[in-house]
Amino acid sequence: MAYGAFGLVEVLGSSNAILVIDQMLKTSEVSFRTWNTKCGGHTTVFLSGDVSAVTAAVESVKGNPPCEVIASAVISNPSEETVCIVEEEAAKHHFASEKSKK
């Protein structure tokens, strides 16, 4: 499966992650892929879409944050290995991949 871009935003706590997801989905034509929570409640949200939409979504959260944003990134044209990592993480949480939606 080819993705134009992945957007990643790290926040503290799952409630804040939901706020970020909601804002990004309302801002741009992007899809929520998965999230990952580590020690201390640091939660990274992953979304996908075309490069301009993902960039706009991530920038909207950075420019008008609903909570403290710890880190963010946009990965354009992700490698096959990066796609596998994100899809494996999504499968752990039982989130549908683009393949299964078709």
N, C-alpha and C. Protein backbone atom coordinates (compact mmCIF):
# COMPACT_ATOMS: atom_id res chain seq x y z
N MET A 1 0.84 -1.18 0.00
CA MET A 1 0.00 0.00 0.00
C MET A 1 0.88 1.24 0.00
N ALA A 2 0.62 2.14 -0.88
CA ALA A 2 1.40 3.38 -0.96
C ALA A 2 0.70 4.48 -0.18
N TYR A 3 1.47 5.19 0.60
CA TYR A 3 0.97 6.33 1.35
C TYR A 3 1.70 7.56 0.86
N GLY A 4 1.00 8.67 0.72
CA GLY A 4 1.66 9.92 0.34
C GLY A 4 2.52 10.44 1.47
N ALA A 5 1.98 10.36 2.70
CA ALA A 5 2.71 10.86 3.87
C ALA A 5 2.10 10.30 5.14
N PHE A 6 2.94 10.25 6.17
CA PHE A 6 2.49 9.98 7.53
C PHE A 6 2.73 11.24 8.34
N GLY A 7 1.81 11.55 9.24
CA GLY A 7 1.99 12.62 10.20
C GLY A 7 2.05 12.02 11.58
N LEU A 8 2.95 12.50 12.41
CA LEU A 8 3.09 12.02 13.77
C LEU A 8 3.04 13.22 14.71
N VAL A 9 2.25 13.09 15.77
CA VAL A 9 2.19 14.13 16.80
C VAL A 9 2.24 13.43 18.15
N GLU A 10 3.16 13.86 19.00
CA GLU A 10 3.29 13.28 20.33
C GLU A 10 2.75 14.25 21.37
N VAL A 11 1.90 13.71 22.26
CA VAL A 11 1.31 14.48 23.36
C VAL A 11 1.39 13.64 24.63
N LEU A 12 0.97 14.21 25.73
CA LEU A 12 0.97 13.49 26.99
C LEU A 12 -0.45 13.08 27.33
N GLY A 13 -0.73 11.78 27.27
CA GLY A 13 -2.03 11.25 27.66
C GLY A 13 -2.96 10.95 26.50
N SER A 14 -3.79 9.92 26.70
CA SER A 14 -4.71 9.50 25.64
C SER A 14 -5.84 10.51 25.42
N SER A 15 -6.26 11.21 26.46
CA SER A 15 -7.30 12.24 26.27
C SER A 15 -6.80 13.34 25.35
N ASN A 16 -5.58 13.77 25.57
CA ASN A 16 -4.99 14.78 24.69
C ASN A 16 -4.81 14.24 23.28
N ALA A 17 -4.47 12.97 23.16
CA ALA A 17 -4.33 12.37 21.83
C ALA A 17 -5.65 12.43 21.08
N ILE A 18 -6.75 12.18 21.76
CA ILE A 18 -8.06 12.23 21.12
C ILE A 18 -8.37 13.66 20.67
N LEU A 19 -8.02 14.65 21.48
CA LEU A 19 -8.22 16.05 21.07
C LEU A 19 -7.43 16.37 19.80
N VAL A 20 -6.19 15.90 19.75
CA VAL A 20 -5.34 16.14 18.58
C VAL A 20 -5.90 15.43 17.35
N ILE A 21 -6.30 14.17 17.51
CA ILE A 21 -6.88 13.41 16.39
C ILE A 21 -8.10 14.14 15.85
N ASP A 22 -8.98 14.56 16.74
CA ASP A 22 -10.20 15.24 16.33
C ASP A 22 -9.88 16.51 15.54
N GLN A 23 -8.97 17.32 16.05
CA GLN A 23 -8.62 18.56 15.36
C GLN A 23 -8.02 18.27 13.98
N MET A 24 -7.13 17.30 13.88
CA MET A 24 -6.50 17.01 12.59
C MET A 24 -7.49 16.46 11.58
N LEU A 25 -8.41 15.60 12.03
CA LEU A 25 -9.40 15.05 11.11
C LEU A 25 -10.37 16.12 10.61
N LYS A 26 -10.65 17.11 11.46
CA LYS A 26 -11.55 18.20 11.06
C LYS A 26 -10.85 19.22 10.16
N THR A 27 -9.53 19.30 10.26
CA THR A 27 -8.76 20.30 9.52
C THR A 27 -8.48 19.89 8.09
N SER A 28 -8.17 18.62 7.87
CA SER A 28 -7.70 18.16 6.56
C SER A 28 -8.29 16.80 6.20
N GLU A 29 -8.14 16.46 4.94
CA GLU A 29 -8.59 15.16 4.43
C GLU A 29 -7.50 14.13 4.73
N VAL A 30 -7.43 13.71 6.00
CA VAL A 30 -6.45 12.73 6.44
C VAL A 30 -7.18 11.57 7.10
N SER A 31 -6.45 10.48 7.31
CA SER A 31 -7.01 9.29 7.96
C SER A 31 -6.21 8.97 9.21
N PHE A 32 -6.89 8.66 10.28
CA PHE A 32 -6.23 8.21 11.50
C PHE A 32 -5.75 6.79 11.27
N ARG A 33 -4.49 6.51 11.58
CA ARG A 33 -3.93 5.17 11.39
C ARG A 33 -3.88 4.42 12.71
N THR A 34 -3.20 4.98 13.72
CA THR A 34 -3.03 4.30 15.00
C THR A 34 -2.45 5.28 16.01
N TRP A 35 -2.23 4.78 17.22
CA TRP A 35 -1.48 5.54 18.21
C TRP A 35 -0.63 4.59 19.01
N ASN A 36 0.34 5.14 19.71
CA ASN A 36 1.27 4.33 20.48
C ASN A 36 1.53 5.07 21.78
N THR A 37 1.33 4.39 22.91
CA THR A 37 1.56 5.00 24.22
C THR A 37 2.74 4.31 24.89
N LYS A 38 3.64 5.10 25.42
CA LYS A 38 4.84 4.59 26.10
C LYS A 38 4.87 5.09 27.53
N CYS A 39 5.96 4.79 28.22
CA CYS A 39 6.14 5.15 29.62
C CYS A 39 5.80 6.62 29.88
N GLY A 40 5.14 6.84 30.97
CA GLY A 40 4.80 8.21 31.35
C GLY A 40 3.62 8.78 30.59
N GLY A 41 2.96 7.95 29.77
CA GLY A 41 1.78 8.41 29.06
C GLY A 41 2.04 9.15 27.77
N HIS A 42 3.28 9.18 27.31
CA HIS A 42 3.59 9.83 26.04
C HIS A 42 2.90 9.05 24.92
N THR A 43 2.01 9.72 24.21
CA THR A 43 1.22 9.08 23.16
C THR A 43 1.53 9.73 21.83
N THR A 44 1.90 8.89 20.85
CA THR A 44 2.15 9.37 19.50
C THR A 44 1.00 8.96 18.61
N VAL A 45 0.42 9.94 17.94
CA VAL A 45 -0.70 9.74 17.02
C VAL A 45 -0.14 9.66 15.60
N PHE A 46 -0.61 8.68 14.83
CA PHE A 46 -0.18 8.51 13.44
C PHE A 46 -1.38 8.74 12.53
N LEU A 47 -1.20 9.55 11.49
CA LEU A 47 -2.24 9.73 10.50
C LEU A 47 -1.61 9.66 9.12
N SER A 48 -2.45 9.50 8.10
CA SER A 48 -1.93 9.42 6.74
C SER A 48 -2.80 10.22 5.79
N GLY A 49 -2.26 10.48 4.62
CA GLY A 49 -2.96 11.21 3.58
C GLY A 49 -1.94 11.72 2.58
N ASP A 50 -2.38 12.61 1.70
CA ASP A 50 -1.39 13.17 0.78
C ASP A 50 -0.54 14.18 1.55
N VAL A 51 0.61 14.49 1.00
CA VAL A 51 1.60 15.31 1.72
C VAL A 51 1.02 16.65 2.17
N SER A 52 0.31 17.33 1.30
CA SER A 52 -0.22 18.65 1.67
C SER A 52 -1.27 18.56 2.76
N ALA A 53 -2.13 17.55 2.72
CA ALA A 53 -3.16 17.39 3.75
C ALA A 53 -2.55 17.03 5.09
N VAL A 54 -1.60 16.11 5.09
CA VAL A 54 -0.94 15.72 6.34
C VAL A 54 -0.18 16.90 6.93
N THR A 55 0.53 17.63 6.09
CA THR A 55 1.26 18.80 6.57
C THR A 55 0.31 19.83 7.16
N ALA A 56 -0.81 20.08 6.50
CA ALA A 56 -1.80 21.04 7.02
C ALA A 56 -2.36 20.58 8.36
N ALA A 57 -2.64 19.28 8.50
CA ALA A 57 -3.18 18.75 9.75
C ALA A 57 -2.19 18.91 10.89
N VAL A 58 -0.94 18.54 10.65
CA VAL A 58 0.08 18.66 11.70
C VAL A 58 0.33 20.13 12.04
N GLU A 59 0.39 20.98 11.03
CA GLU A 59 0.60 22.42 11.27
C GLU A 59 -0.56 23.04 12.04
N SER A 60 -1.79 22.54 11.81
CA SER A 60 -2.94 23.09 12.54
C SER A 60 -2.82 22.82 14.03
N VAL A 61 -2.31 21.65 14.38
CA VAL A 61 -2.14 21.30 15.79
C VAL A 61 -0.98 22.08 16.40
N LYS A 62 0.07 22.28 15.62
CA LYS A 62 1.21 23.06 16.13
C LYS A 62 0.84 24.54 16.27
N GLY A 63 0.04 25.06 15.33
CA GLY A 63 -0.32 26.48 15.35
C GLY A 63 -1.41 26.84 16.33
N ASN A 64 -2.31 25.91 16.60
CA ASN A 64 -3.43 26.13 17.50
C ASN A 64 -3.62 24.87 18.34
N PRO A 65 -2.66 24.59 19.22
CA PRO A 65 -2.67 23.31 19.93
C PRO A 65 -3.80 23.21 20.96
N PRO A 66 -4.53 22.07 20.96
CA PRO A 66 -5.55 21.85 21.98
C PRO A 66 -4.92 21.44 23.31
N CYS A 67 -3.61 21.13 23.28
CA CYS A 67 -2.86 20.71 24.45
C CYS A 67 -1.38 20.89 24.12
N GLU A 68 -0.52 20.56 25.06
CA GLU A 68 0.91 20.67 24.79
C GLU A 68 1.34 19.62 23.77
N VAL A 69 1.98 20.06 22.71
CA VAL A 69 2.52 19.16 21.70
C VAL A 69 4.00 18.97 22.01
N ILE A 70 4.40 17.73 22.27
CA ILE A 70 5.78 17.43 22.64
C ILE A 70 6.67 17.37 21.40
N ALA A 71 6.18 16.72 20.35
CA ALA A 71 6.95 16.59 19.12
C ALA A 71 6.00 16.34 17.96
N SER A 72 6.46 16.65 16.76
CA SER A 72 5.65 16.38 15.57
C SER A 72 6.57 16.19 14.38
N ALA A 73 6.06 15.48 13.38
CA ALA A 73 6.84 15.25 12.16
C ALA A 73 5.91 14.87 11.03
N VAL A 74 6.35 15.14 9.81
CA VAL A 74 5.67 14.67 8.61
C VAL A 74 6.69 13.86 7.82
N ILE A 75 6.33 12.64 7.47
CA ILE A 75 7.19 11.78 6.67
C ILE A 75 6.55 11.65 5.30
N SER A 76 7.12 12.31 4.31
CA SER A 76 6.57 12.21 2.96
C SER A 76 7.16 10.99 2.27
N ASN A 77 6.33 10.34 1.44
CA ASN A 77 6.75 9.16 0.70
C ASN A 77 7.45 8.15 1.61
N PRO A 78 6.76 7.64 2.63
CA PRO A 78 7.41 6.73 3.59
C PRO A 78 7.89 5.44 2.92
N SER A 79 8.99 4.93 3.44
CA SER A 79 9.56 3.68 2.91
C SER A 79 8.64 2.51 3.24
N GLU A 80 8.85 1.40 2.54
CA GLU A 80 8.07 0.18 2.80
C GLU A 80 8.19 -0.25 4.25
N GLU A 81 9.39 -0.15 4.81
CA GLU A 81 9.62 -0.56 6.19
C GLU A 81 8.85 0.33 7.16
N THR A 82 8.82 1.62 6.88
CA THR A 82 8.06 2.55 7.73
C THR A 82 6.57 2.23 7.67
N VAL A 83 6.07 1.95 6.48
CA VAL A 83 4.66 1.57 6.31
C VAL A 83 4.37 0.31 7.12
N CYS A 84 5.27 -0.68 7.07
CA CYS A 84 5.08 -1.92 7.83
C CYS A 84 5.00 -1.65 9.33
N ILE A 85 5.87 -0.78 9.83
CA ILE A 85 5.86 -0.45 11.25
C ILE A 85 4.51 0.14 11.66
N VAL A 86 4.02 1.09 10.89
CA VAL A 86 2.75 1.75 11.21
C VAL A 86 1.60 0.75 11.10
N GLU A 87 1.57 -0.06 10.06
CA GLU A 87 0.48 -1.03 9.89
C GLU A 87 0.51 -2.11 10.97
N GLU A 88 1.71 -2.54 11.39
CA GLU A 88 1.80 -3.52 12.49
C GLU A 88 1.29 -2.92 13.79
N GLU A 89 1.61 -1.66 14.04
CA GLU A 89 1.12 -0.98 15.25
C GLU A 89 -0.40 -0.86 15.19
N ALA A 90 -0.94 -0.53 14.04
CA ALA A 90 -2.39 -0.42 13.88
C ALA A 90 -3.06 -1.78 14.11
N ALA A 91 -2.43 -2.85 13.64
CA ALA A 91 -3.00 -4.19 13.82
C ALA A 91 -3.05 -4.57 15.30
N LYS A 92 -2.07 -4.14 16.08
CA LYS A 92 -2.07 -4.41 17.53
C LYS A 92 -3.30 -3.82 18.20
N HIS A 93 -3.73 -2.66 17.70
CA HIS A 93 -4.88 -1.96 18.28
C HIS A 93 -6.17 -2.25 17.53
N HIS A 94 -6.09 -3.16 16.56
CA HIS A 94 -7.25 -3.56 15.75
C HIS A 94 -7.83 -2.41 14.95
N PHE A 95 -6.97 -1.45 14.54
CA PHE A 95 -7.41 -0.38 13.65
C PHE A 95 -7.30 -0.90 12.23
N ALA A 96 -8.27 -0.59 11.40
CA ALA A 96 -8.28 -1.07 10.02
C ALA A 96 -7.19 -0.37 9.21
N SER A 97 -6.56 -1.15 8.34
CA SER A 97 -5.59 -0.55 7.41
C SER A 97 -6.33 -0.12 6.16
N GLU A 98 -5.67 0.64 5.32
CA GLU A 98 -6.27 1.06 4.05
C GLU A 98 -6.65 -0.15 3.22
N LYS A 99 -5.85 -1.22 3.28
CA LYS A 99 -6.12 -2.43 2.50
C LYS A 99 -7.46 -3.04 2.90
N SER A 100 -7.72 -3.12 4.21
CA SER A 100 -8.93 -3.79 4.67
C SER A 100 -10.19 -2.96 4.48
N LYS A 101 -10.04 -1.66 4.21
CA LYS A 101 -11.21 -0.81 4.00
C LYS A 101 -11.79 -0.96 2.61
N LYS A 102 -11.01 -1.51 1.68
CA LYS A 102 -11.46 -1.61 0.29
C LYS A 102 -12.27 -2.85 0.05
